[in-house]
C-alpha atoms as a PDB file:
ATOM      1  CA  MET A   1      81.696  80.476 104.878  1.00  0.00           C
ATOM      2  CA  TYR A   2      80.847  84.160 105.769  1.00  0.00           C
ATOM      3  CA  ILE A   3      77.282  85.810 105.497  1.00  0.00           C
ATOM      4  CA  LEU A   4      77.460  89.684 105.988  1.00  0.00           C
ATOM      5  CA  THR A   5      74.811  91.323 107.505  1.00  0.00           C
ATOM      6  CA  GLN A   6      73.630  95.081 107.883  1.00  0.00           C
ATOM      7  CA  ALA A   7      74.570  96.352 111.489  1.00  0.00           C
ATOM      8  CA  GLY A   8      74.391  99.321 113.563  1.00  0.00           C
ATOM      9  CA  LEU A   9      77.232 101.504 114.574  1.00  0.00           C
ATOM     10  CA  LEU A  10      79.813  99.729 116.668  1.00  0.00           C
ATOM     11  CA  GLU A  11      80.077 102.402 119.042  1.00  0.00           C
ATOM     12  CA  THR A  12      76.600 102.173 120.180  1.00  0.00           C
ATOM     13  CA  CYS A  13      76.821  98.766 121.547  1.00  0.00           C
ATOM     14  CA  ALA A  14      76.764  98.497 125.287  1.00  0.00           C
ATOM     15  CA  ASP A  15      79.696  97.299 127.556  1.00  0.00           C
ATOM     16  CA  LYS A  16      81.876  97.258 124.469  1.00  0.00           C
ATOM     17  CA  ILE A  17      80.412  94.155 123.333  1.00  0.00           C
ATOM     18  CA  PHE A  18      78.692  94.183 119.802  1.00  0.00           C
ATOM     19  CA  ARG A  19      76.155  90.872 119.324  1.00  0.00           C
ATOM     20  CA  VAL A  20      75.197  90.191 115.718  1.00  0.00           C
ATOM     21  CA  GLN A  21      71.422  89.470 115.540  1.00  0.00           C
ATOM     22  CA  ALA A  22      69.995  87.785 112.646  1.00  0.00           C
ATOM     23  CA  ALA A  23      67.144  85.931 113.901  1.00  0.00           C
ATOM     24  CA  ASP A  24      65.522  84.813 110.448  1.00  0.00           C
ATOM     25  CA  LEU A  25      68.884  83.520 109.266  1.00  0.00           C
ATOM     26  CA  GLU A  26      69.295  81.714 112.632  1.00  0.00           C
ATOM     27  CA  GLU A  27      65.620  80.089 112.407  1.00  0.00           C
ATOM     28  CA  MET A  28      66.646  78.802 109.055  1.00  0.00           C
ATOM     29  CA  TYR A  29      70.049  77.129 109.886  1.00  0.00           C
ATOM     30  CA  LEU A  30      68.377  75.437 113.057  1.00  0.00           C
ATOM     31  CA  ARG A  31      65.435  74.170 111.052  1.00  0.00           C
ATOM     32  CA  VAL A  32      67.533  72.323 108.871  1.00  0.00           C
ATOM     33  CA  GLY A  33      69.643  70.889 111.208  1.00  0.00           C
ATOM     34  CA  TYR A  34      72.552  72.984 112.013  1.00  0.00           C
ATOM     35  CA  GLN A  35      73.757  73.786 115.588  1.00  0.00           C
ATOM     36  CA  ARG A  36      74.363  77.225 116.833  1.00  0.00           C
ATOM     37  CA  HIS A  37      77.771  78.305 118.099  1.00  0.00           C
ATOM     38  CA  GLU A  38      79.437  81.511 118.502  1.00  0.00           C
ATOM     39  CA  ARG A  39      82.637  83.202 117.386  1.00  0.00           C
ATOM     40  CA  SER A  40      84.227  86.397 118.588  1.00  0.00           C
ATOM     41  CA  TYR A  41      86.559  88.853 117.042  1.00  0.00           C
ATOM     42  CA  GLN A  42      88.152  91.991 118.556  1.00  0.00           C
ATOM     43  CA  LEU A  43      88.007  95.338 116.900  1.00  0.00           C
ATOM     44  CA  LYS A  44      89.806  98.891 117.976  1.00  0.00           C
ATOM     45  CA  CYS A  45      88.164 102.178 117.510  1.00  0.00           C
ATOM     46  CA  GLN A  46      88.166 105.512 119.596  1.00  0.00           C
ATOM     47  CA  TYR A  47      90.584 104.145 122.490  1.00  0.00           C
ATOM     48  CA  LYS A  48      88.574 101.052 122.988  1.00  0.00           C
ATOM     49  CA  GLU A  49      88.455  97.443 122.138  1.00  0.00           C
ATOM     50  CA  TYR A  50      85.293  95.699 121.407  1.00  0.00           C
ATOM     51  CA  THR A  51      84.340  92.174 121.063  1.00  0.00           C
ATOM     52  CA  ILE A  52      82.135  91.168 118.317  1.00  0.00           C
ATOM     53  CA  LEU A  53      80.125  88.173 119.035  1.00  0.00           C
ATOM     54  CA  CYS A  54      78.923  86.513 115.770  1.00  0.00           C
ATOM     55  CA  PRO A  55      76.562  83.428 115.421  1.00  0.00           C
ATOM     56  CA  GLU A  56      78.178  80.264 113.839  1.00  0.00           C
ATOM     57  CA  PHE A  57      76.158  77.437 112.393  1.00  0.00           C
ATOM     58  CA  ARG A  58      77.738  73.984 112.017  1.00  0.00           C
ATOM     59  CA  LYS A  59      76.208  70.358 111.105  1.00  0.00           C
ATOM     60  CA  ASP A  60      77.804  67.510 112.511  1.00  0.00           C
ATOM     61  CA  GLY A  61      78.561  64.421 110.531  1.00  0.00           C
ATOM     62  CA  ASP A  62      78.060  66.613 107.263  1.00  0.00           C
ATOM     63  CA  ASP A  63      80.697  68.068 104.746  1.00  0.00           C
ATOM     64  CA  SER A  64      79.018  71.598 104.741  1.00  0.00           C
ATOM     65  CA  LEU A  65      81.306  74.528 105.741  1.00  0.00           C
ATOM     66  CA  PRO A  66      80.581  76.132 108.985  1.00  0.00           C
ATOM     67  CA  VAL A  67      78.756  79.384 108.465  1.00  0.00           C
ATOM     68  CA  VAL A  68      79.433  82.462 110.341  1.00  0.00           C
ATOM     69  CA  ILE A  69      77.220  85.762 110.122  1.00  0.00           C
ATOM     70  CA  ILE A  70      79.380  88.907 110.501  1.00  0.00           C
ATOM     71  CA  PRO A  71      78.399  92.658 110.759  1.00  0.00           C
ATOM     72  CA  GLU A  72      79.222  94.704 107.355  1.00  0.00           C
ATOM     73  CA  PHE A  73      82.057  96.706 109.384  1.00  0.00           C
ATOM     74  CA  LEU A  74      83.957  93.303 110.044  1.00  0.00           C
ATOM     75  CA  VAL A  75      86.664  91.960 108.365  1.00  0.00           C
ATOM     76  CA  PRO A  76      88.277  88.678 109.696  1.00  0.00           C
ATOM     77  CA  ARG A  77      91.813  89.167 110.755  1.00  0.00           C
ATOM     78  CA  ARG A  78      91.858  92.833 110.782  1.00  0.00           C
ATOM     79  CA  PRO A  79      92.103  94.744 113.921  1.00  0.00           C
ATOM     80  CA  TYR A  80      89.985  97.774 112.855  1.00  0.00           C
ATOM     81  CA  PRO A  81      86.711  98.413 111.342  1.00  0.00           C
ATOM     82  CA  ILE A  82      86.667  98.279 107.641  1.00  0.00           C
ATOM     83  CA  TYR A  83      85.695 102.295 107.222  1.00  0.00           C
ATOM     84  CA  VAL A  84      88.673 102.874 109.179  1.00  0.00           C
ATOM     85  CA  TYR A  85      91.065 101.676 106.326  1.00  0.00           C
ATOM     86  CA  LEU A  86      88.811 103.033 103.750  1.00  0.00           C
ATOM     87  CA  TYR A  87      88.813 106.467 105.380  1.00  0.00           C
ATOM     88  CA  ALA A  88      92.645 106.206 105.480  1.00  0.00           C
ATOM     89  CA  ILE A  89      92.661 105.195 101.734  1.00  0.00           C
ATOM     90  CA  ASP A  90      90.296 108.194 100.615  1.00  0.00           C
ATOM     91  CA  LEU A  91      92.224 110.593 102.458  1.00  0.00           C
ATOM     92  CA  TYR A  92      95.504 109.441 100.850  1.00  0.00           C
ATOM     93  CA  SER A  93      94.593 109.146  97.529  1.00  0.00           C
ATOM     94  CA  GLY A  94      92.364 112.313  97.376  1.00  0.00           C
ATOM     95  CA  ASN A  95      95.374 114.557  98.804  1.00  0.00           C
ATOM     96  CA  PRO A  96      98.510 113.711  96.291  1.00  0.00           C
ATOM     97  CA  GLU A  97     100.597 116.280  97.725  1.00  0.00           C
ATOM     98  CA  LYS A  98     100.627 114.255 101.214  1.00  0.00           C
ATOM     99  CA  GLY A  99     102.336 111.161 101.996  1.00  0.00           C
ATOM    100  CA  GLN A 100     101.113 107.836 103.344  1.00  0.00           C
ATOM    101  CA  ARG A 101     102.664 108.671 106.817  1.00  0.00           C
ATOM    102  CA  TRP A 102     100.580 111.905 107.095  1.00  0.00           C
ATOM    103  CA  ALA A 103      97.275 110.011 106.085  1.00  0.00           C
ATOM    104  CA  ALA A 104      97.888 107.319 108.499  1.00  0.00           C
ATOM    105  CA  GLU A 105      98.569 109.726 111.315  1.00  0.00           C
ATOM    106  CA  GLU A 106      95.396 111.465 110.536  1.00  0.00           C
ATOM    107  CA  THR A 107      93.548 108.408 110.542  1.00  0.00           C
ATOM    108  CA  ARG A 108      94.797 107.603 113.846  1.00  0.00           C
ATOM    109  CA  LYS A 109      93.860 110.430 115.534  1.00  0.00           C
ATOM    110  CA  TYR A 110      90.594 110.632 113.557  1.00  0.00           C
ATOM    111  CA  PHE A 111      89.262 107.452 115.038  1.00  0.00           C
ATOM    112  CA  GLY A 112      91.268 107.283 118.148  1.00  0.00           C
ATOM    113  CA  LEU A 113      93.867 104.496 117.580  1.00  0.00           C
ATOM    114  CA  GLN A 114      96.686 103.612 119.696  1.00  0.00           C
ATOM    115  CA  SER A 115      98.586 103.059 116.281  1.00  0.00           C
ATOM    116  CA  PHE A 116      97.973 102.967 112.718  1.00  0.00           C
ATOM    117  CA  SER A 117     100.872 102.942 110.566  1.00  0.00           C
ATOM    118  CA  HIS A 118     101.443 103.881 106.851  1.00  0.00           C
ATOM    119  CA  THR A 119     102.685 100.208 106.168  1.00  0.00           C
ATOM    120  CA  THR A 120      99.111  99.274 107.328  1.00  0.00           C
ATOM    121  CA  LEU A 121      97.729 102.145 105.036  1.00  0.00           C
ATOM    122  CA  GLY A 122      99.939 101.106 101.811  1.00  0.00           C
ATOM    123  CA  ARG A 123      98.487  97.222 102.281  1.00  0.00           C
ATOM    124  CA  ALA A 124      95.197  98.295 102.379  1.00  0.00           C
ATOM    125  CA  LEU A 125      95.302 100.275  99.427  1.00  0.00           C
ATOM    126  CA  LYS A 126      97.355  97.548  97.508  1.00  0.00           C
ATOM    127  CA  THR A 127      94.482  94.983  98.498  1.00  0.00           C
ATOM    128  CA  LEU A 128      91.807  97.439  97.595  1.00  0.00           C
ATOM    129  CA  VAL A 129      93.431  98.385  93.966  1.00  0.00           C
ATOM    130  CA  ASN A 130      93.772  94.364  93.431  1.00  0.00           C
ATOM    131  CA  ASN A 131      90.044  93.745  94.278  1.00  0.00           C
ATOM    132  CA  LEU A 132      89.183  96.442  92.072  1.00  0.00           C
ATOM    133  CA  VAL A 133      91.189  95.371  88.969  1.00  0.00           C
ATOM    134  CA  SER A 134      90.301  91.664  89.594  1.00  0.00           C
ATOM    135  CA  ALA A 135      86.618  92.480  89.729  1.00  0.00           C
ATOM    136  CA  ALA A 136      86.837  94.803  86.688  1.00  0.00           C
ATOM    137  CA  GLU A 137      88.759  92.124  84.675  1.00  0.00           C
ATOM    138  CA  VAL A 138      86.248  89.445  85.641  1.00  0.00           C
ATOM    139  CA  ALA A 139      83.408  91.798  84.587  1.00  0.00           C
ATOM    140  CA  GLU A 140      84.852  92.331  81.253  1.00  0.00           C
ATOM    141  CA  GLY A 141      85.884  88.368  80.717  1.00  0.00           C
ATOM    142  CA  MET A 142      89.564  89.063  81.067  1.00  0.00           C
ATOM    143  CA  ASP A 143      92.224  86.665  82.595  1.00  0.00           C
ATOM    144  CA  ALA A 144      92.552  87.559  86.366  1.00  0.00           C
ATOM    145  CA  LYS A 145      96.236  86.981  85.857  1.00  0.00           C
ATOM    146  CA  SER A 146      97.010  90.281  83.789  1.00  0.00           C
ATOM    147  CA  ALA A 147      96.269  92.492  87.023  1.00  0.00           C
ATOM    148  CA  ILE A 148      98.755  94.900  87.654  1.00  0.00           C
ATOM    149  CA  ASN A 149     101.640  93.593  89.546  1.00  0.00           C
ATOM    150  CA  ILE A 150     101.376  95.919  92.486  1.00  0.00           C
ATOM    151  CA  GLU A 151     104.064  94.473  94.514  1.00  0.00           C
ATOM    152  CA  LYS A 152     106.649  95.088  91.913  1.00  0.00           C
ATOM    153  CA  MET A 153     106.402  98.776  91.878  1.00  0.00           C
ATOM    154  CA  GLU A 154     109.508 100.402  92.941  1.00  0.00           C
ATOM    155  CA  CYS A 155     111.438 103.704  92.990  1.00  0.00           C
ATOM    156  CA  THR A 156     114.970 103.977  94.444  1.00  0.00           C
ATOM    157  CA  ASP A 157     114.946 108.179  94.294  1.00  0.00           C
ATOM    158  CA  PRO A 158     115.262 108.825  98.001  1.00  0.00           C
ATOM    159  CA  LYS A 159     113.581 112.238  97.439  1.00  0.00           C
ATOM    160  CA  GLU A 160     110.252 110.625  96.916  1.00  0.00           C
ATOM    161  CA  VAL A 161     110.045 108.172  99.753  1.00  0.00           C
ATOM    162  CA  VAL A 162     106.769 107.625 101.426  1.00  0.00           C
ATOM    163  CA  GLU A 163     107.155 103.827 102.933  1.00  0.00           C
ATOM    164  CA  GLY A 164     110.095 101.287 102.563  1.00  0.00           C
ATOM    165  CA  TYR A 165     110.275  97.695 102.190  1.00  0.00           C
ATOM    166  CA  SER A 166     113.294  95.572 101.108  1.00  0.00           C
ATOM    167  CA  SER A 167     112.463  93.358  98.290  1.00  0.00           C
ATOM    168  CA  GLN A 168     115.771  91.371  97.940  1.00  0.00           C
ATOM    169  CA  PRO A 169     118.793  91.245 100.359  1.00  0.00           C
ATOM    170  CA  ARG A 170     120.763  94.184 100.738  1.00  0.00           C
ATOM    171  CA  HIS A 171     118.574  96.398  98.165  1.00  0.00           C
ATOM    172  CA  THR A 172     115.739  98.273  99.436  1.00  0.00           C
ATOM    173  CA  THR A 173     113.349  99.890  97.118  1.00  0.00           C
ATOM    174  CA  PHE A 174     110.641 102.458  98.078  1.00  0.00           C
ATOM    175  CA  PRO A 175     107.301 102.975  96.650  1.00  0.00           C
ATOM    176  CA  SER A 176     107.079 106.910  96.078  1.00  0.00           C
ATOM    177  CA  VAL A 177     104.329 109.186  95.180  1.00  0.00           C
ATOM    178  CA  ARG A 178     104.936 108.771  91.856  1.00  0.00           C
ATOM    179  CA  THR A 179     105.105 104.943  91.876  1.00  0.00           C
ATOM    180  CA  THR A 180     101.835 104.977  93.821  1.00  0.00           C
ATOM    181  CA  GLU A 181     100.116 107.106  91.295  1.00  0.00           C
ATOM    182  CA  ASP A 182      97.923 104.564  89.693  1.00  0.00           C
ATOM    183  CA  LEU A 183      96.932 103.048  93.120  1.00  0.00           C
ATOM    184  CA  ARG A 184      95.678 106.455  94.154  1.00  0.00           C
ATOM    185  CA  LYS A 185      93.712 106.989  91.147  1.00  0.00           C
ATOM    186  CA  ARG A 186      92.010 103.743  91.005  1.00  0.00           C
ATOM    187  CA  ALA A 187      91.086 104.282  94.854  1.00  0.00           C
ATOM    188  CA  THR A 188      89.673 107.623  94.119  1.00  0.00           C
ATOM    189  CA  GLN A 189      87.594 106.235  90.952  1.00  0.00           C
ATOM    190  CA  PHE A 190      85.928 104.167  93.580  1.00  0.00           C
ATOM    191  CA  LEU A 191      85.879 106.149  96.785  1.00  0.00           C
ATOM    192  CA  GLY A 192      85.566 109.647  95.343  1.00  0.00           C
ATOM    193  CA  GLY A 193      86.158 111.415  98.487  1.00  0.00           C
ATOM    194  CA  LYS A 194      83.030 109.819  99.670  1.00  0.00           C
ATOM    195  CA  LEU A 195      84.439 109.360 103.296  1.00  0.00           C
ATOM    196  CA  ASN A 196      86.508 111.909 104.385  1.00  0.00           C
ATOM    197  CA  GLN A 197      84.419 114.816 103.500  1.00  0.00           C
ATOM    198  CA  LEU A 198      81.497 113.396 105.355  1.00  0.00           C
ATOM    199  CA  GLU A 199      80.765 114.213 109.065  1.00  0.00           C
ATOM    200  CA  TYR A 200      82.208 111.434 111.253  1.00  0.00           C
ATOM    201  CA  HIS A 201      79.176 109.297 111.683  1.00  0.00           C
ATOM    202  CA  GLN A 202      78.163 109.711 108.016  1.00  0.00           C
ATOM    203  CA  SER A 203      81.481 108.466 106.932  1.00  0.00           C
ATOM    204  CA  ILE A 204      81.443 105.408 109.036  1.00  0.00           C
ATOM    205  CA  GLU A 205      77.803 104.494 107.589  1.00  0.00           C
ATOM    206  CA  THR A 206      79.229 105.402 103.817  1.00  0.00           C
ATOM    207  CA  GLY A 207      81.915 102.747 104.425  1.00  0.00           C
ATOM    208  CA  GLN A 208      79.838 100.183 105.455  1.00  0.00           C
ATOM    209  CA  ILE A 209      77.516 100.544 102.832  1.00  0.00           C
ATOM    210  CA  LEU A 210      80.440 100.305 100.488  1.00  0.00           C
ATOM    211  CA  ALA A 211      81.400  97.017 102.070  1.00  0.00           C
ATOM    212  CA  ARG A 212      77.951  95.525 102.035  1.00  0.00           C
ATOM    213  CA  GLU A 213      77.016  96.430  98.630  1.00  0.00           C
ATOM    214  CA  TRP A 214      80.665  94.960  97.337  1.00  0.00           C
ATOM    215  CA  PHE A 215      80.288  91.813  99.294  1.00  0.00           C
ATOM    216  CA  MET A 216      76.434  91.382  98.091  1.00  0.00           C
ATOM    217  CA  GLU A 217      78.051  91.978  94.252  1.00  0.00           C
ATOM    218  CA  TYR A 218      81.023  89.808  94.282  1.00  0.00           C
ATOM    219  CA  GLY A 219      80.603  87.546  97.535  1.00  0.00           C
ATOM    220  CA  ARG A 220      83.815  88.573  98.694  1.00  0.00           C
ATOM    221  CA  PHE A 221      85.394  91.125 101.152  1.00  0.00           C
ATOM    222  CA  LEU A 222      86.367  94.568  99.894  1.00  0.00           C
ATOM    223  CA  LEU A 223      89.496  94.300 101.755  1.00  0.00           C
END
């Protein structure tokens, strides 16, 4: 189980090591018999690799799940802070005349990343929109199975290629500007240019706030 905690800026930590501080939560878990451990994650940003050290609490001889306290900018198993993905999605969604390769490259330069591909952007966009759709359907009491099947969007017009993937042997399909229109519209409704029109640190803080508020509302990661 994860608990998201409000955190400062990643880049302000010393020696590229970010230690999550949660004294009140730590005291509470220790008081009821949990043992404190530590879990580490790696994040890349501004040509640096950061180590994120998170408190983990376990209770021996109990069926309770381990509890890991993580900062709001971290999404487990993703190599970049969440605001990097949100910035890329916002940039792409707000510039319909541009492609995913352009948005990915601009994001790579903006955050000082060795690599950030258009396929990474595409996957993050699909995940975000799927989560938005699922949350809306739950709120409206609808069946989540009726969510749009983003993975099946395809186009075979090579003039509109943005990124390619193979869905069947010997048959390549291409998500295009046209087929991603619904994705971009849904992302724009949520992000609305909040990230790519702000100063650098304001963009980061806004991304972290969005991630925190979403987690508090739905108990799951935004991406």
